[in-house]
Amino acid sequence: MNAALNPHPASSPYQSLVERLNRFPQGAPESKTLYEILKILFSEQEADLVSRLPIKPFNAKTAAKNWNMPLAEAQQILEKLAGRALLVDVERDGELVYTLPPPMAGFFEFSMMRYRSDVDQKRLGELFHQYCNVEEDFIHSLFANGETQLGRVYIHEPVIQDAFVMDYEKASQVIASSSTIGIGVCYCRHKMAIMNKACNAPMDICMTFNSAAHSLVKHGFARKVDAVEGMDFLQQAYDSNLVQFGENTRQGVNFICNCCGCCCEALIAARRFSPMRPIHTTNYQPAINEDDCSGCGKCVTICPVEAMGLVSANHFAEPNRKKAKLDESVCLGCGLCARICPKDSIRMQARPERVITPLNTAHRVVMMAIERGNLQNLIFDNRVLWSHRMLSAFLGAVLNLPPLQRTLASRQVKSHYLETLIQRFSN
């Protein structure tokens, strides 16, 4: 960014925080709007402290060492940050372990998942809208870089007929297998409501699971529910024709959003950047029985990414008759069109090639880091040791080679280090 346009010089704690956020694969491109968001969420002192936190999960002792302060004081600060959902805290082996979540899916959403008076949510919603919906850099960097993406779509289970669907492809199985389930306010619709642009879809329907849900429930950002009530919320989402968009993992899913095409940032990105595949599709796509299709257009209206259209049916006796036509390159495979079709002329069938889903969060993060050229930040997550800095800079240079050379280097990194990195990042 041009220094004349940057209100925060390099010595600013907020500048340091932005640099820290961008060490993670899901970063936040620098802009004036981003600085305004961070100033609402973090004090200047907090921005300085958070900028010095590791990428991998850490305990209070690590924070105290990085901050050069007594352990008790560090614990108080960590608890305060976790209490505002700026950090996620989880108990492991009797010890609290903290993680700084990425902006999205992370502390951007968490800040709007309950109605609160300790921050100016109206101003925050306006800034989020500007940063995420008007400016393109953030959404483009989040969804349009690399093959491995943050989220994936889940199949609309009521339309499953003969298709074989794996358990990890079902939102119902995520609910049934989660250790903790939390329900909060939908970030996207809450933000759009502030802008007077929200639809009438349910607001209190954002689902979090497992460790993320445990932390959000603990600090009052989500309401704990059991699996039975969780299934009730899922049915409400089905009845409202919402798309289930969740974390792109097979195990330990941390969130599922119930999305509408008008408010949801993921679905908006899918429309704006469709050639880049910003969202992983399901393993299914609609098959249209053209002989039965009446051309009513209901599938066109309900599709959240405009993958359905109407074309001439070329019917000799009815020259004005239309039929539905699918753009397979855009379709998410959610199944809403099959649900809404009044003549049952749409069914879901398996895609020719299965979509690969990362095993868990660590696997997804490592793959995203490799593809985005910042794997070195995960390998050498220590900003103090000079030797680590040198190694980090070296690997960073390798991963920023021209595309063909970087692809070759990435393949070598994947083959030699991927499993080890997953284990190290999970610890």
Foldseek 3Di string as FASTA:
>chain_A
DPPVQDPAPCPFLQVLLQVQLVLFLQHADDDPLVSVLCVQLDPSVRSNLNSQDFQFKDALVVSCVSVVHDSVVSVVVVVVCLLQQQWFWDDDPNGIIIHRDHCPVGNLQLNQFADDDSTDVLVSLVSCCCRQPVDDPNLCSQQQFFDQHFKAWAALPVQDDPADDDLLSHPLSQLVPFPWKWWTFGSQQSSVVSVVRHDPQDGGQWIFTHRRRVSCCVSVSTPTDHSVVNVVSVVSLSVVLFIWMFGQASPDTTTTGGHALRGDSQLVSLQVVLLSCRHAAAQKDKDFPFVQFQQPCPLCVSQSNNQKDWDASPDPVDRPTIGIDGDVSSDRNHCSSCVPRPRNRIHMDGDPDHDDGHHDPLLSRCSSCLRNLSNLCLVLRDPPDPVSVVVSVVSSVQCPDPPVSNVVVSVVCCVPPSVVSSVVSVD
